[in-house]
Amino acid sequence: MNCKFRRFLGIILGLLLWAGPLAARDVRVIRVIDGDTVVLASGYHLRYAGINAPELHTRFGSPEPFARKAFLRNRQLVEGKRLRFEPAERRKDRYGRLLGYLFLPDGRLVSEVLVSEGLAMVCYYPGASRYYRKLLAIQRRALREERGLFGTLDRGRGPYIGNIRSRRFHRKDCPEARHIRRRRIFKSLREAFWAGYCPARGCRPWPP
């Protein structure tokens, strides 16, 4: 094997290793961690792009409202099954998890099922927003029908401060809100979710 061929083979293998976990393909889910994260047979953790489910494991110990239901529904939908995986434009999140989308055999996104039942909320992420508009339309329907967590929202108790750049919203007394330059004011949680904003971390405006 000459030097040029070995170099060429090394490049090809490198490209395959680079693209391997990101290529659109069928995958098997072996375990569900919570409402928006699963473990694949390959060992990779997959975080559903474009949504956020209520936190099952919190620093306070108690899960957020509907977190358990979101976990159980996600497990019912995907655990032990082979499903179509589509990677997001952004390869991984800050925790090193794959970002992408799982499709059920009937063609629906797992994420759209969770959002439609009020068990997850739409969250905009740069590089992981391919289905943002589709999911937001589904979320608005869930808001109208007051499904799941969307049926528990108060219509007042604002204002909430939205960050137009990140599409996150904060409590009005949150220190981070004071530094937002491009802001949008929401009178209620319902109004913020309708606009496609999701709760900021830190002094979270939801759960109330």
Protein backbone atom coordinates (compact mmCIF):
# COMPACT_ATOMS: atom_id res chain seq x y z
CA MET A 1 0.00 0.00 0.00
CA ASN A 2 1.66 3.21 -1.17
CA CYS A 3 1.76 6.46 0.77
CA LYS A 4 -0.80 8.27 -1.41
CA PHE A 5 -3.34 5.47 -1.13
CA ARG A 6 -2.94 5.30 2.67
CA ARG A 7 -3.47 9.07 2.86
CA PHE A 8 -6.57 8.82 0.66
CA LEU A 9 -7.95 5.95 2.74
CA GLY A 10 -7.32 7.93 5.91
CA ILE A 11 -9.29 10.90 4.55
CA ILE A 12 -12.24 8.69 3.58
CA LEU A 13 -12.32 6.97 6.97
CA GLY A 14 -12.10 10.34 8.68
CA LEU A 15 -15.06 11.66 6.73
CA LEU A 16 -17.09 8.57 7.55
CA LEU A 17 -16.34 8.90 11.24
CA TRP A 18 -17.18 12.60 11.13
CA ALA A 19 -20.50 12.13 9.33
CA GLY A 20 -21.45 8.76 10.81
CA PRO A 21 -23.57 9.84 13.79
CA LEU A 22 -25.04 12.76 11.85
CA ALA A 23 -26.28 11.03 8.71
CA ALA A 24 -30.07 10.69 8.36
CA ARG A 25 -30.90 7.06 9.02
CA ASP A 26 -32.92 4.62 11.09
CA VAL A 27 -31.89 4.34 14.73
CA ARG A 28 -33.00 2.27 17.69
CA VAL A 29 -33.93 3.94 20.96
CA ILE A 30 -32.86 1.86 23.94
CA ARG A 31 -33.79 4.18 26.79
CA VAL A 32 -35.76 7.34 27.47
CA ILE A 33 -34.23 9.78 29.95
CA ASP A 34 -37.03 12.37 30.10
CA GLY A 35 -39.55 14.11 27.89
CA ASP A 36 -37.04 15.34 25.32
CA THR A 37 -33.90 13.18 25.61
CA VAL A 38 -33.24 9.54 24.69
CA VAL A 39 -30.32 7.13 24.42
CA LEU A 40 -29.67 5.43 21.09
CA ALA A 41 -28.29 1.92 20.57
CA SER A 42 -25.08 3.53 19.34
CA GLY A 43 -24.58 5.00 22.81
CA TYR A 44 -25.28 8.55 21.73
CA HIS A 45 -27.65 10.72 23.73
CA LEU A 46 -30.16 12.46 21.48
CA ARG A 47 -31.81 15.72 22.52
CA TYR A 48 -34.92 16.58 20.50
CA ALA A 49 -34.23 19.81 18.62
CA GLY A 50 -36.69 22.68 18.80
CA ILE A 51 -38.64 21.73 21.92
CA ASN A 52 -38.22 21.68 25.68
CA ALA A 53 -40.14 19.33 27.96
CA PRO A 54 -40.72 20.06 31.65
CA GLU A 55 -37.70 19.12 33.75
CA LEU A 56 -37.93 15.69 35.36
CA HIS A 57 -34.73 16.13 37.37
CA THR A 58 -34.41 19.55 38.99
CA ARG A 59 -32.00 21.06 41.50
CA PHE A 60 -34.91 21.31 43.93
CA GLY A 61 -35.61 17.59 43.72
CA SER A 62 -39.25 17.77 42.64
CA PRO A 63 -40.04 17.47 38.92
CA GLU A 64 -41.75 20.32 37.12
CA PRO A 65 -45.49 20.03 36.32
CA PHE A 66 -46.20 17.47 33.57
CA ALA A 67 -42.57 16.25 33.56
CA ARG A 68 -43.56 12.73 34.57
CA LYS A 69 -46.34 12.59 31.98
CA ALA A 70 -43.95 13.84 29.28
CA PHE A 71 -41.40 11.17 30.23
CA LEU A 72 -43.98 8.38 30.15
CA ARG A 73 -45.48 9.53 26.86
CA ASN A 74 -42.04 9.81 25.26
CA ARG A 75 -41.19 6.32 26.49
CA GLN A 76 -44.45 4.96 25.09
CA LEU A 77 -43.71 6.52 21.70
CA VAL A 78 -40.06 5.59 21.20
CA GLU A 79 -38.43 3.22 23.70
CA GLY A 80 -37.26 -0.05 22.14
CA LYS A 81 -38.28 1.06 18.65
CA ARG A 82 -36.49 1.71 15.38
CA LEU A 83 -37.30 5.17 14.11
CA ARG A 84 -36.11 7.58 11.47
CA PHE A 85 -33.55 10.04 12.78
CA GLU A 86 -32.90 13.37 11.06
CA PRO A 87 -29.99 15.45 12.36
CA ALA A 88 -30.31 19.16 13.05
CA GLU A 89 -28.04 21.64 11.29
CA ARG A 90 -26.27 22.19 14.59
CA ARG A 91 -24.54 18.92 15.41
CA LYS A 92 -24.62 18.91 19.21
CA ASP A 93 -25.78 20.95 22.17
CA ARG A 94 -23.48 22.38 24.83
CA TYR A 95 -23.66 19.12 26.79
CA GLY A 96 -22.38 17.07 23.86
CA ARG A 97 -25.72 15.46 23.03
CA LEU A 98 -26.79 14.94 19.43
CA LEU A 99 -29.47 17.36 18.26
CA GLY A 100 -32.09 16.12 15.88
CA TYR A 101 -35.56 14.82 15.15
CA LEU A 102 -37.21 11.41 15.47
CA PHE A 103 -40.05 10.42 13.15
CA LEU A 104 -42.75 7.88 13.93
CA PRO A 105 -43.71 5.25 11.31
CA ASP A 106 -46.74 7.37 10.35
CA GLY A 107 -44.45 10.28 9.46
CA ARG A 108 -45.17 12.47 12.46
CA LEU A 109 -42.41 14.03 14.51
CA VAL A 110 -42.21 12.68 18.04
CA SER A 111 -41.82 16.34 19.04
CA GLU A 112 -45.11 17.35 17.44
CA VAL A 113 -46.97 14.67 19.38
CA LEU A 114 -45.51 15.91 22.66
CA VAL A 115 -46.26 19.56 21.86
CA SER A 116 -49.78 18.77 20.63
CA GLU A 117 -50.58 17.11 23.96
CA GLY A 118 -49.15 19.97 26.00
CA LEU A 119 -46.23 17.90 27.26
CA ALA A 120 -43.49 20.03 25.68
CA MET A 121 -43.06 23.61 24.52
CA VAL A 122 -41.53 25.02 21.36
CA CYS A 123 -38.08 26.56 21.83
CA TYR A 124 -36.09 28.33 19.16
CA TYR A 125 -32.43 27.30 18.88
CA PRO A 126 -30.12 28.67 16.15
CA GLY A 127 -29.12 25.77 13.94
CA ALA A 128 -31.90 23.58 15.31
CA SER A 129 -35.04 25.31 14.08
CA ARG A 130 -35.98 23.42 10.91
CA TYR A 131 -39.50 22.65 12.16
CA TYR A 132 -39.95 25.73 14.34
CA ARG A 133 -42.90 27.16 12.37
CA LYS A 134 -44.62 23.80 12.10
CA LEU A 135 -44.25 23.13 15.82
CA LEU A 136 -45.38 26.64 16.72
CA ALA A 137 -48.62 26.15 14.76
CA ILE A 138 -49.19 22.91 16.69
CA GLN A 139 -48.43 24.67 19.97
CA ARG A 140 -50.98 27.39 19.21
CA ARG A 141 -53.61 24.71 18.64
CA ALA A 142 -52.69 23.13 21.98
CA LEU A 143 -52.99 26.56 23.62
CA ARG A 144 -56.47 27.08 22.16
CA GLU A 145 -57.52 23.65 23.37
CA GLU A 146 -55.72 24.13 26.72
CA ARG A 147 -53.93 20.80 26.44
CA GLY A 148 -51.57 19.65 29.18
CA LEU A 149 -49.38 22.38 30.62
CA PHE A 150 -51.06 24.93 28.33
CA GLY A 151 -54.26 24.45 30.28
CA THR A 152 -52.64 25.69 33.49
CA LEU A 153 -51.45 29.09 32.28
CA ASP A 154 -52.76 32.24 33.89
CA ARG A 155 -53.86 35.00 31.55
CA GLY A 156 -52.44 37.77 33.73
CA ARG A 157 -49.68 38.02 36.30
CA GLY A 158 -47.38 39.71 33.81
CA PRO A 159 -45.60 41.49 32.49
CA TYR A 160 -42.91 39.12 31.22
CA ILE A 161 -39.82 40.40 29.43
CA GLY A 162 -39.00 38.72 26.12
CA ASN A 163 -35.61 38.77 24.44
CA ILE A 164 -36.24 39.23 20.71
CA ARG A 165 -32.82 37.87 19.82
CA SER A 166 -32.97 34.60 21.78
CA ARG A 167 -36.79 34.24 21.88
CA ARG A 168 -36.67 33.58 25.62
CA PHE A 169 -38.77 35.35 28.20
CA HIS A 170 -38.07 36.28 31.83
CA ARG A 171 -39.89 37.36 34.94
CA LYS A 172 -40.01 41.12 35.19
CA ASP A 173 -37.87 41.07 38.36
CA CYS A 174 -35.19 38.78 36.89
CA PRO A 175 -31.73 40.47 36.95
CA GLU A 176 -31.00 39.18 33.44
CA ALA A 177 -34.07 40.98 32.09
CA ARG A 178 -32.53 44.35 32.90
CA HIS A 179 -29.77 43.79 30.35
CA ILE A 180 -32.02 42.93 27.41
CA ARG A 181 -31.76 45.59 24.72
CA ARG A 182 -34.21 44.28 22.16
CA ARG A 183 -37.19 43.35 24.27
CA ARG A 184 -40.79 42.40 23.84
CA ILE A 185 -43.32 42.71 26.64
CA PHE A 186 -45.91 39.97 27.25
CA LYS A 187 -48.94 40.44 29.46
CA SER A 188 -49.21 36.73 30.27
CA LEU A 189 -47.54 33.34 29.94
CA ARG A 190 -50.11 32.40 27.32
CA GLU A 191 -49.16 35.41 25.21
CA ALA A 192 -45.44 34.54 25.42
CA PHE A 193 -46.00 30.92 24.42
CA TRP A 194 -48.32 31.99 21.60
CA ALA A 195 -45.50 34.15 20.19
CA GLY A 196 -43.11 31.18 20.21
CA TYR A 197 -40.96 32.30 23.12
CA CYS A 198 -39.92 29.81 25.78
CA PRO A 199 -38.95 30.27 29.44
CA ALA A 200 -35.42 31.46 30.15
CA ARG A 201 -33.18 29.51 32.50
CA GLY A 202 -32.27 30.91 35.88
CA CYS A 203 -35.25 32.75 37.36
CA ARG A 204 -37.63 30.76 35.20
CA PRO A 205 -41.03 32.34 34.53
CA TRP A 206 -42.54 28.87 34.16
CA PRO A 207 -43.65 27.00 36.13
CA PRO A 208 -45.31 29.97 37.85
